[in-house]
C-alpha atoms as a PDB file:
ATOM      1  CA  MET A   1     -64.102-111.967  63.841  1.00  0.00           C
ATOM      2  CA  PRO A   2     -63.846-111.043  66.795  1.00  0.00           C
ATOM      3  CA  ALA A   3     -64.677-107.216  65.729  1.00  0.00           C
ATOM      4  CA  LEU A   4     -67.475-108.292  63.722  1.00  0.00           C
ATOM      5  CA  MET A   5     -69.124-110.153  66.623  1.00  0.00           C
ATOM      6  CA  ALA A   6     -68.636-107.081  68.748  1.00  0.00           C
ATOM      7  CA  VAL A   7     -70.277-104.700  66.336  1.00  0.00           C
ATOM      8  CA  MET A   8     -72.887-106.545  65.381  1.00  0.00           C
ATOM      9  CA  PRO A   9     -75.218-106.577  68.393  1.00  0.00           C
ATOM     10  CA  LEU A  10     -74.421-103.221  69.112  1.00  0.00           C
ATOM     11  CA  SER A  11     -76.141-102.715  65.637  1.00  0.00           C
ATOM     12  CA  PHE A  12     -79.039-104.556  66.022  1.00  0.00           C
ATOM     13  CA  MET A  13     -79.876-103.327  69.626  1.00  0.00           C
ATOM     14  CA  HIS A  14     -79.439 -99.696  68.331  1.00  0.00           C
ATOM     15  CA  ASN A  15     -81.524-100.696  65.537  1.00  0.00           C
ATOM     16  CA  LYS A  16     -84.379-101.797  67.645  1.00  0.00           C
ATOM     17  CA  GLU A  17     -84.203-105.309  66.060  1.00  0.00           C
ATOM     18  CA  GLY A  18     -82.523-107.090  69.309  1.00  0.00           C
ATOM     19  CA  GLY A  19     -82.550-107.498  73.242  1.00  0.00           C
ATOM     20  CA  TYR A  20     -82.402-108.439  76.559  1.00  0.00           C
ATOM     21  CA  PRO A  21     -85.123-111.184  77.323  1.00  0.00           C
ATOM     22  CA  LEU A  22     -85.815-110.194  81.061  1.00  0.00           C
ATOM     23  CA  GLY A  23     -85.669-113.435  83.135  1.00  0.00           C
ATOM     24  CA  GLY A  24     -83.240-114.598  80.880  1.00  0.00           C
ATOM     25  CA  SER A  25     -82.857-118.220  78.824  1.00  0.00           C
ATOM     26  CA  LEU A  26     -85.870-119.790  81.176  1.00  0.00           C
ATOM     27  CA  ASN A  27     -88.563-117.272  80.887  1.00  0.00           C
ATOM     28  CA  PHE A  28     -87.338-117.280  77.120  1.00  0.00           C
ATOM     29  CA  ALA A  29     -88.112-121.062  76.839  1.00  0.00           C
ATOM     30  CA  GLN A  30     -91.302-121.530  78.765  1.00  0.00           C
ATOM     31  CA  ALA A  31     -92.509-118.554  76.637  1.00  0.00           C
ATOM     32  CA  ILE A  32     -91.777-120.333  73.558  1.00  0.00           C
ATOM     33  CA  ALA A  33     -93.515-123.735  75.371  1.00  0.00           C
ATOM     34  CA  GLU A  34     -96.761-121.976  76.275  1.00  0.00           C
ATOM     35  CA  ARG A  35     -96.881-120.616  72.820  1.00  0.00           C
ATOM     36  CA  TYR A  36     -96.544-123.634  71.439  1.00  0.00           C
ATOM     37  CA  GLN A  37     -99.100-125.457  73.917  1.00  0.00           C
ATOM     38  CA  ALA A  38    -101.853-122.635  73.371  1.00  0.00           C
ATOM     39  CA  LEU A  39    -101.723-123.808  69.480  1.00  0.00           C
ATOM     40  CA  GLY A  40    -102.173-127.531  70.117  1.00  0.00           C
ATOM     41  CA  GLY A  41     -98.602-128.183  71.134  1.00  0.00           C
ATOM     42  CA  LYS A  42     -98.004-130.965  73.748  1.00  0.00           C
ATOM     43  CA  ILE A  43     -94.778-131.419  75.740  1.00  0.00           C
ATOM     44  CA  SER A  44     -93.468-134.748  77.551  1.00  0.00           C
ATOM     45  CA  TYR A  45     -90.970-133.292  79.803  1.00  0.00           C
ATOM     46  CA  GLY A  46     -88.329-136.135  80.998  1.00  0.00           C
ATOM     47  CA  SER A  47     -88.725-138.312  78.162  1.00  0.00           C
ATOM     48  CA  LYS A  48     -85.534-139.258  76.958  1.00  0.00           C
ATOM     49  CA  VAL A  49     -85.646-140.281  73.008  1.00  0.00           C
ATOM     50  CA  LYS A  50     -83.265-144.132  72.535  1.00  0.00           C
ATOM     51  CA  GLN A  51     -83.712-144.487  68.655  1.00  0.00           C
ATOM     52  CA  ILE A  52     -85.557-142.877  65.711  1.00  0.00           C
ATOM     53  CA  VAL A  53     -88.014-145.827  64.364  1.00  0.00           C
ATOM     54  CA  VAL A  54     -87.230-145.834  60.564  1.00  0.00           C
ATOM     55  CA  GLU A  55     -89.052-148.250  58.362  1.00  0.00           C
ATOM     56  CA  ASP A  56     -88.497-148.867  54.664  1.00  0.00           C
ATOM     57  CA  GLY A  57     -86.709-145.354  54.728  1.00  0.00           C
ATOM     58  CA  VAL A  58     -89.433-143.657  56.412  1.00  0.00           C
ATOM     59  CA  ALA A  59     -89.083-141.996  60.009  1.00  0.00           C
ATOM     60  CA  LYS A  60     -91.918-143.515  61.843  1.00  0.00           C
ATOM     61  CA  GLY A  61     -91.735-141.928  65.023  1.00  0.00           C
ATOM     62  CA  VAL A  62     -89.259-142.265  68.396  1.00  0.00           C
ATOM     63  CA  THR A  63     -88.579-144.825  70.968  1.00  0.00           C
ATOM     64  CA  LEU A  64     -88.070-143.473  74.803  1.00  0.00           C
ATOM     65  CA  ALA A  65     -85.486-144.901  77.570  1.00  0.00           C
ATOM     66  CA  ASP A  66     -88.639-145.818  78.963  1.00  0.00           C
ATOM     67  CA  GLY A  67     -89.548-148.557  76.211  1.00  0.00           C
ATOM     68  CA  ARG A  68     -92.582-146.118  74.441  1.00  0.00           C
ATOM     69  CA  PHE A  69     -93.141-145.765  71.659  1.00  0.00           C
ATOM     70  CA  VAL A  70     -94.493-142.647  70.161  1.00  0.00           C
ATOM     71  CA  ALA A  71     -95.287-142.630  66.107  1.00  0.00           C
ATOM     72  CA  ALA A  72     -94.882-139.444  64.225  1.00  0.00           C
ATOM     73  CA  ASP A  73     -95.872-137.958  61.024  1.00  0.00           C
ATOM     74  CA  LEU A  74     -92.569-135.974  61.075  1.00  0.00           C
ATOM     75  CA  VAL A  75     -89.437-136.044  63.198  1.00  0.00           C
ATOM     76  CA  VAL A  76     -87.674-133.113  63.660  1.00  0.00           C
ATOM     77  CA  SER A  77     -84.333-133.059  65.357  1.00  0.00           C
ATOM     78  CA  ALA A  78     -83.289-129.817  66.932  1.00  0.00           C
ATOM     79  CA  CYS A  79     -81.067-131.399  70.021  1.00  0.00           C
ATOM     80  CA  ASP A  80     -77.238-132.378  69.627  1.00  0.00           C
ATOM     81  CA  GLY A  81     -76.373-133.876  66.397  1.00  0.00           C
ATOM     82  CA  ARG A  82     -74.241-135.928  66.929  1.00  0.00           C
ATOM     83  CA  SER A  83     -76.271-138.351  68.948  1.00  0.00           C
ATOM     84  CA  VAL A  84     -78.762-137.934  66.215  1.00  0.00           C
ATOM     85  CA  LEU A  85     -76.760-139.444  63.990  1.00  0.00           C
ATOM     86  CA  TYR A  86     -74.288-142.077  65.381  1.00  0.00           C
ATOM     87  CA  ASP A  87     -76.625-143.059  68.276  1.00  0.00           C
ATOM     88  CA  LEU A  88     -80.853-142.567  67.604  1.00  0.00           C
ATOM     89  CA  LEU A  89     -79.898-143.313  63.791  1.00  0.00           C
ATOM     90  CA  GLY A  90     -76.750-145.958  64.265  1.00  0.00           C
ATOM     91  CA  GLY A  91     -74.804-144.093  62.002  1.00  0.00           C
ATOM     92  CA  LYS A  92     -77.011-145.390  58.636  1.00  0.00           C
ATOM     93  CA  TYR A  93     -77.545-141.878  57.230  1.00  0.00           C
ATOM     94  CA  LEU A  94     -74.551-139.693  57.487  1.00  0.00           C
ATOM     95  CA  GLU A  95     -73.819-137.555  54.864  1.00  0.00           C
ATOM     96  CA  GLU A  96     -70.395-136.739  53.828  1.00  0.00           C
ATOM     97  CA  LYS A  97     -70.158-133.177  54.839  1.00  0.00           C
ATOM     98  CA  ASN A  98     -71.468-134.857  58.090  1.00  0.00           C
ATOM     99  CA  ARG A  99     -68.415-137.145  58.477  1.00  0.00           C
ATOM    100  CA  GLU A 100     -66.073-134.211  57.943  1.00  0.00           C
ATOM    101  CA  PHE A 101     -67.640-131.752  60.215  1.00  0.00           C
ATOM    102  CA  TYR A 102     -67.572-135.009  63.192  1.00  0.00           C
ATOM    103  CA  GLU A 103     -64.574-136.899  62.472  1.00  0.00           C
ATOM    104  CA  ASN A 104     -62.597-133.577  62.617  1.00  0.00           C
ATOM    105  CA  PRO A 105     -64.429-131.382  65.169  1.00  0.00           C
ATOM    106  CA  GLN A 106     -63.734-127.747  65.713  1.00  0.00           C
ATOM    107  CA  LEU A 107     -66.135-127.655  68.883  1.00  0.00           C
ATOM    108  CA  TRP A 108     -66.439-124.144  71.121  1.00  0.00           C
ATOM    109  CA  PRO A 109     -64.325-124.930  74.142  1.00  0.00           C
ATOM    110  CA  PRO A 110     -66.354-126.330  76.461  1.00  0.00           C
ATOM    111  CA  LEU A 111     -66.703-123.996  79.900  1.00  0.00           C
ATOM    112  CA  ILE A 112     -66.473-124.156  83.519  1.00  0.00           C
ATOM    113  CA  SER A 113     -69.695-122.189  84.858  1.00  0.00           C
ATOM    114  CA  ILE A 114     -69.495-120.792  88.949  1.00  0.00           C
ATOM    115  CA  SER A 115     -72.215-119.090  89.682  1.00  0.00           C
ATOM    116  CA  LEU A 116     -73.219-117.108  93.242  1.00  0.00           C
ATOM    117  CA  GLY A 117     -76.059-115.789  95.231  1.00  0.00           C
ATOM    118  CA  VAL A 118     -74.850-112.743  97.095  1.00  0.00           C
ATOM    119  CA  LYS A 119     -76.109-110.334  99.654  1.00  0.00           C
ATOM    120  CA  ARG A 120     -74.544-107.534  97.986  1.00  0.00           C
ATOM    121  CA  ASP A 121     -75.989-105.092  95.187  1.00  0.00           C
ATOM    122  CA  PHE A 122     -73.724-104.858  92.214  1.00  0.00           C
ATOM    123  CA  SER A 123     -76.062-102.001  90.865  1.00  0.00           C
ATOM    124  CA  GLY A 124     -74.318 -99.659  89.208  1.00  0.00           C
ATOM    125  CA  MET A 125     -70.610-101.421  88.672  1.00  0.00           C
ATOM    126  CA  GLY A 126     -70.317-102.816  84.146  1.00  0.00           C
ATOM    127  CA  GLU A 127     -72.350-105.928  84.087  1.00  0.00           C
ATOM    128  CA  ILE A 128     -69.437-107.731  82.872  1.00  0.00           C
ATOM    129  CA  ASN A 129     -66.237-107.127  84.433  1.00  0.00           C
ATOM    130  CA  ASP A 130     -62.510-108.675  83.305  1.00  0.00           C
ATOM    131  CA  PHE A 131     -58.937-108.299  85.002  1.00  0.00           C
ATOM    132  CA  LYS A 132     -55.788-110.119  85.153  1.00  0.00           C
ATOM    133  CA  LEU A 133     -54.705-112.204  88.223  1.00  0.00           C
ATOM    134  CA  LYS A 134     -51.984-111.137  90.449  1.00  0.00           C
ATOM    135  CA  GLU A 135     -50.821-115.074  89.830  1.00  0.00           C
ATOM    136  CA  PRO A 136     -52.468-117.522  87.771  1.00  0.00           C
ATOM    137  CA  LEU A 137     -54.692-120.403  88.997  1.00  0.00           C
ATOM    138  CA  LEU A 138     -54.334-123.382  87.848  1.00  0.00           C
ATOM    139  CA  ILE A 139     -57.599-125.481  86.897  1.00  0.00           C
ATOM    140  CA  GLY A 140     -57.918-128.823  84.869  1.00  0.00           C
ATOM    141  CA  GLY A 141     -54.341-128.477  84.126  1.00  0.00           C
ATOM    142  CA  LYS A 142     -54.790-125.610  82.370  1.00  0.00           C
ATOM    143  CA  GLU A 143     -53.007-121.708  83.878  1.00  0.00           C
ATOM    144  CA  ILE A 144     -55.765-119.005  83.538  1.00  0.00           C
ATOM    145  CA  LEU A 145     -54.343-116.062  83.679  1.00  0.00           C
ATOM    146  CA  TRP A 146     -57.400-113.361  82.829  1.00  0.00           C
ATOM    147  CA  SER A 147     -61.169-113.690  85.243  1.00  0.00           C
ATOM    148  CA  GLY A 148     -64.263-111.875  85.523  1.00  0.00           C
ATOM    149  CA  PHE A 149     -67.865-112.153  86.328  1.00  0.00           C
ATOM    150  CA  PHE A 150     -71.042-110.949  84.732  1.00  0.00           C
ATOM    151  CA  HIS A 151     -73.390-109.387  87.168  1.00  0.00           C
ATOM    152  CA  TYR A 152     -77.362-109.834  86.855  1.00  0.00           C
ATOM    153  CA  CYS A 153     -78.876-107.020  88.552  1.00  0.00           C
ATOM    154  CA  HIS A 154     -80.198-105.394  85.611  1.00  0.00           C
ATOM    155  CA  ASP A 155     -82.757-108.432  85.940  1.00  0.00           C
ATOM    156  CA  PRO A 156     -85.247-108.144  88.412  1.00  0.00           C
ATOM    157  CA  ASN A 157     -86.306-111.781  87.975  1.00  0.00           C
ATOM    158  CA  PHE A 158     -82.153-113.132  89.477  1.00  0.00           C
ATOM    159  CA  ALA A 159     -81.785-112.069  92.811  1.00  0.00           C
ATOM    160  CA  PRO A 160     -84.075-109.980  95.118  1.00  0.00           C
ATOM    161  CA  LYS A 161     -83.883-106.553  95.262  1.00  0.00           C
ATOM    162  CA  GLY A 162     -80.195-105.785  97.411  1.00  0.00           C
ATOM    163  CA  LYS A 163     -78.388-109.107  96.486  1.00  0.00           C
ATOM    164  CA  SER A 164     -77.373-110.216  93.331  1.00  0.00           C
ATOM    165  CA  VAL A 165     -76.018-113.356  90.857  1.00  0.00           C
ATOM    166  CA  ILE A 166     -72.725-112.926  89.854  1.00  0.00           C
ATOM    167  CA  GLN A 167     -71.289-115.655  87.032  1.00  0.00           C
ATOM    168  CA  THR A 168     -67.829-116.525  85.851  1.00  0.00           C
ATOM    169  CA  GLN A 169     -66.940-118.800  83.018  1.00  0.00           C
ATOM    170  CA  ILE A 170     -63.378-120.501  82.195  1.00  0.00           C
ATOM    171  CA  GLU A 171     -62.589-122.089  79.274  1.00  0.00           C
ATOM    172  CA  THR A 172     -61.353-125.817  80.396  1.00  0.00           C
ATOM    173  CA  ASP A 173     -60.591-128.934  78.755  1.00  0.00           C
ATOM    174  CA  TYR A 174     -63.220-131.601  78.104  1.00  0.00           C
ATOM    175  CA  SER A 175     -61.100-134.741  78.869  1.00  0.00           C
ATOM    176  CA  TYR A 176     -59.775-133.721  82.013  1.00  0.00           C
ATOM    177  CA  TRP A 177     -63.459-133.701  83.630  1.00  0.00           C
ATOM    178  CA  ARG A 178     -64.472-136.757  81.663  1.00  0.00           C
ATOM    179  CA  GLY A 179     -61.512-138.695  83.220  1.00  0.00           C
ATOM    180  CA  LEU A 180     -62.245-137.366  86.614  1.00  0.00           C
ATOM    181  CA  HIS A 181     -65.929-138.494  86.378  1.00  0.00           C
ATOM    182  CA  GLU A 182     -65.357-142.050  85.398  1.00  0.00           C
ATOM    183  CA  ARG A 183     -62.082-142.718  87.037  1.00  0.00           C
ATOM    184  CA  ASP A 184     -63.074-140.873  90.440  1.00  0.00           C
ATOM    185  CA  ARG A 185     -66.072-139.236  91.375  1.00  0.00           C
ATOM    186  CA  ASP A 186     -64.955-138.607  94.652  1.00  0.00           C
ATOM    187  CA  ARG A 187     -61.561-136.721  93.492  1.00  0.00           C
ATOM    188  CA  TYR A 188     -64.378-134.862  90.677  1.00  0.00           C
ATOM    189  CA  ASN A 189     -66.368-133.268  93.206  1.00  0.00           C
ATOM    190  CA  GLN A 190     -63.257-132.170  95.219  1.00  0.00           C
ATOM    191  CA  GLU A 191     -61.930-130.650  92.279  1.00  0.00           C
ATOM    192  CA  LYS A 192     -65.245-128.319  92.066  1.00  0.00           C
ATOM    193  CA  GLU A 193     -65.389-128.075  95.585  1.00  0.00           C
ATOM    194  CA  LEU A 194     -61.006-126.266  95.154  1.00  0.00           C
ATOM    195  CA  ILE A 195     -62.036-124.135  92.119  1.00  0.00           C
ATOM    196  CA  LEU A 196     -64.643-122.522  93.769  1.00  0.00           C
ATOM    197  CA  GLU A 197     -62.731-121.909  96.725  1.00  0.00           C
ATOM    198  CA  LYS A 198     -60.032-120.426  94.277  1.00  0.00           C
ATOM    199  CA  TYR A 199     -62.470-118.436  92.501  1.00  0.00           C
ATOM    200  CA  ILE A 200     -64.076-117.098  95.553  1.00  0.00           C
ATOM    201  CA  SER A 201     -60.532-116.031  96.993  1.00  0.00           C
ATOM    202  CA  VAL A 202     -59.680-114.004  93.753  1.00  0.00           C
ATOM    203  CA  LEU A 203     -63.086-112.118  94.342  1.00  0.00           C
ATOM    204  CA  GLU A 204     -62.160-111.921  97.533  1.00  0.00           C
ATOM    205  CA  ASP A 205     -59.382-109.752  96.995  1.00  0.00           C
ATOM    206  CA  ARG A 206     -60.773-107.189  94.466  1.00  0.00           C
ATOM    207  CA  PHE A 207     -63.981-107.137  97.117  1.00  0.00           C
ATOM    208  CA  PRO A 208     -63.116-107.585 100.880  1.00  0.00           C
ATOM    209  CA  GLY A 209     -65.861-109.142 102.460  1.00  0.00           C
ATOM    210  CA  ILE A 210     -67.810-110.960  99.904  1.00  0.00           C
ATOM    211  CA  ARG A 211     -66.860-113.928 101.220  1.00  0.00           C
ATOM    212  CA  GLU A 212     -68.659-113.606 104.168  1.00  0.00           C
ATOM    213  CA  ASP A 213     -71.711-112.665 101.908  1.00  0.00           C
ATOM    214  CA  ILE A 214     -71.926-115.900  99.667  1.00  0.00           C
ATOM    215  CA  GLU A 215     -75.415-117.228  99.919  1.00  0.00           C
ATOM    216  CA  GLU A 216     -75.921-120.023  97.201  1.00  0.00           C
ATOM    217  CA  THR A 217     -72.985-121.571  95.346  1.00  0.00           C
ATOM    218  CA  ASP A 218     -73.271-123.934  91.950  1.00  0.00           C
ATOM    219  CA  VAL A 219     -70.022-125.236  89.974  1.00  0.00           C
ATOM    220  CA  ALA A 220     -70.694-126.676  86.226  1.00  0.00           C
ATOM    221  CA  THR A 221     -68.098-128.310  84.633  1.00  0.00           C
ATOM    222  CA  PRO A 222     -68.636-129.831  80.470  1.00  0.00           C
ATOM    223  CA  VAL A 223     -69.534-133.659  82.114  1.00  0.00           C
ATOM    224  CA  THR A 224     -72.896-131.292  84.073  1.00  0.00           C
ATOM    225  CA  TRP A 225     -72.907-129.326  80.601  1.00  0.00           C
ATOM    226  CA  GLU A 226     -73.625-132.411  78.760  1.00  0.00           C
ATOM    227  CA  ARG A 227     -75.388-134.463  81.381  1.00  0.00           C
ATOM    228  CA  TYR A 228     -78.537-131.610  81.309  1.00  0.00           C
ATOM    229  CA  THR A 229     -78.106-130.669  77.787  1.00  0.00           C
ATOM    230  CA  GLY A 230     -76.686-133.517  76.033  1.00  0.00           C
ATOM    231  CA  ASN A 231     -74.369-131.294  73.750  1.00  0.00           C
ATOM    232  CA  TRP A 232     -71.297-133.236  72.367  1.00  0.00           C
ATOM    233  CA  GLN A 233     -68.243-133.069  74.623  1.00  0.00           C
ATOM    234  CA  GLY A 234     -69.763-130.169  76.648  1.00  0.00           C
ATOM    235  CA  SER A 235     -69.596-127.574  74.105  1.00  0.00           C
ATOM    236  CA  TYR A 236     -72.231-124.819  74.843  1.00  0.00           C
ATOM    237  CA  GLU A 237     -72.695-123.565  70.922  1.00  0.00           C
ATOM    238  CA  GLY A 238     -71.709-126.434  68.683  1.00  0.00           C
ATOM    239  CA  TRP A 239     -69.479-125.715  65.537  1.00  0.00           C
ATOM    240  CA  VAL A 240     -66.964-122.665  66.202  1.00  0.00           C
ATOM    241  CA  PRO A 241     -66.611-120.633  63.033  1.00  0.00           C
ATOM    242  CA  THR A 242     -63.697-120.493  60.858  1.00  0.00           C
ATOM    243  CA  ILE A 243     -62.468-119.140  57.986  1.00  0.00           C
ATOM    244  CA  LYS A 244     -63.356-122.297  56.209  1.00  0.00           C
ATOM    245  CA  ASN A 245     -66.843-123.157  57.812  1.00  0.00           C
ATOM    246  CA  PHE A 246     -68.056-119.405  58.004  1.00  0.00           C
ATOM    247  CA  GLY A 247     -71.505-120.036  56.338  1.00  0.00           C
ATOM    248  CA  THR A 248     -71.557-123.472  55.873  1.00  0.00           C
ATOM    249  CA  THR A 249     -74.984-124.569  56.917  1.00  0.00           C
ATOM    250  CA  LEU A 250     -74.584-128.880  56.964  1.00  0.00           C
ATOM    251  CA  PRO A 251     -77.896-131.367  55.759  1.00  0.00           C
ATOM    252  CA  ARG A 252     -81.560-130.705  57.129  1.00  0.00           C
ATOM    253  CA  LYS A 253     -82.308-133.922  55.290  1.00  0.00           C
ATOM    254  CA  LEU A 254     -80.509-136.978  55.107  1.00  0.00           C
ATOM    255  CA  ARG A 255     -80.265-138.663  51.558  1.00  0.00           C
ATOM    256  CA  GLY A 256     -81.943-142.265  51.774  1.00  0.00           C
ATOM    257  CA  LEU A 257     -84.474-141.108  55.226  1.00  0.00           C
ATOM    258  CA  LYS A 258     -87.503-139.515  54.813  1.00  0.00           C
ATOM    259  CA  HIS A 259     -89.744-137.697  57.333  1.00  0.00           C
ATOM    260  CA  PHE A 260     -86.821-136.640  58.919  1.00  0.00           C
ATOM    261  CA  TYR A 261     -85.543-133.134  59.304  1.00  0.00           C
ATOM    262  CA  MET A 262     -82.402-131.478  61.133  1.00  0.00           C
ATOM    263  CA  THR A 263     -82.631-128.407  62.817  1.00  0.00           C
ATOM    264  CA  GLY A 264     -80.896-126.021  65.753  1.00  0.00           C
ATOM    265  CA  GLN A 265     -76.942-125.533  66.510  1.00  0.00           C
ATOM    266  CA  TRP A 266     -75.517-128.556  64.748  1.00  0.00           C
ATOM    267  CA  ILE A 267     -76.862-127.943  61.850  1.00  0.00           C
ATOM    268  CA  SER A 268     -74.564-124.401  60.890  1.00  0.00           C
ATOM    269  CA  PRO A 269     -71.474-123.091  62.917  1.00  0.00           C
ATOM    270  CA  GLY A 270     -71.761-120.123  65.492  1.00  0.00           C
ATOM    271  CA  GLY A 271     -74.364-121.961  67.810  1.00  0.00           C
ATOM    272  CA  GLY A 272     -76.496-119.578  70.345  1.00  0.00           C
ATOM    273  CA  VAL A 273     -80.036-118.451  70.212  1.00  0.00           C
ATOM    274  CA  PRO A 274     -80.713-116.432  67.206  1.00  0.00           C
ATOM    275  CA  MET A 275     -78.854-118.787  65.169  1.00  0.00           C
ATOM    276  CA  CYS A 276     -81.255-121.794  66.636  1.00  0.00           C
ATOM    277  CA  MET A 277     -84.173-119.536  65.911  1.00  0.00           C
ATOM    278  CA  ALA A 278     -82.895-119.027  62.480  1.00  0.00           C
ATOM    279  CA  GLN A 279     -82.767-122.717  61.537  1.00  0.00           C
ATOM    280  CA  GLY A 280     -85.873-122.844  63.105  1.00  0.00           C
ATOM    281  CA  LYS A 281     -88.187-120.852  60.988  1.00  0.00           C
ATOM    282  CA  LEU A 282     -86.166-122.373  57.894  1.00  0.00           C
ATOM    283  CA  ILE A 283     -87.345-125.824  58.895  1.00  0.00           C
ATOM    284  CA  VAL A 284     -90.708-125.254  59.037  1.00  0.00           C
ATOM    285  CA  LYS A 285     -90.706-123.071  55.985  1.00  0.00           C
ATOM    286  CA  GLU A 286     -89.419-126.110  54.354  1.00  0.00           C
ATOM    287  CA  ILE A 287     -91.725-128.844  55.652  1.00  0.00           C
ATOM    288  CA  MET A 288     -95.364-126.536  54.665  1.00  0.00           C
ATOM    289  CA  LYS A 289     -92.996-125.780  51.407  1.00  0.00           C
ATOM    290  CA  GLU A 290     -93.329-129.920  50.720  1.00  0.00           C
ATOM    291  CA  ARG A 291     -96.947-130.126  52.616  1.00  0.00           C
ATOM    292  CA  ARG A 292     -98.145-128.028  49.730  1.00  0.00           C
ATOM    293  CA  ALA A 293     -96.549-129.053  46.875  1.00  0.00           C
END
């Protein structure tokens, strides 16, 4: 699998079948939203769904956190699978395959993400850098032996000319951060600051003087990922592919529930934008086929 995941993107890009969207995920998402709205779609931002309303086995719409009801001919879920199945639907429409995946979860390990805005130009250096640490770091109860960073100087949308955004991501334990966040918010924030300081010290050792060049900082823990995206346990790509589950697809429709569909990264192991796009295309084709029947 590691060799396959390295070769596949290279082959896609060589054949002009894939690439990097300038502006990153924000521009990418905004382009989709603009196209959707141009076709007559409406988007309600800041409208968290509390419940999927079902009457006589038919999805009729959703109730929002502020109490409003939004009627719908069809309800399509593209968000966190566990929240949908166990919370929004109350666990009433669980397929056997869903139970197997959610009761014995194999998730992509959650991440701590550290982002820095620096007044230093990293153009000309490889966009991805990895290196072994001189001394291991203890972060979230886990010993870290390797570190590194991404920089985005190939994309002018990230930072002004002559400056850079650099980022590192560190695998960590969700339960550690969730427990700390619930028990002691001050200590949770202090731990984030401590991790930031440790990482800046690592960079200072490789790039002397960079500490004084840092203008912006941001640290996101698995709790942050969960709060912003809703992804279960902060797992950024859902199910991790294994020999057993590779190629598996979870049900897009649920037995006993009409006018409801699921799509997104919780439908198939692997996650990521390309898989979500493919699943979205498949669900639209399926809906169109059923409507023509």
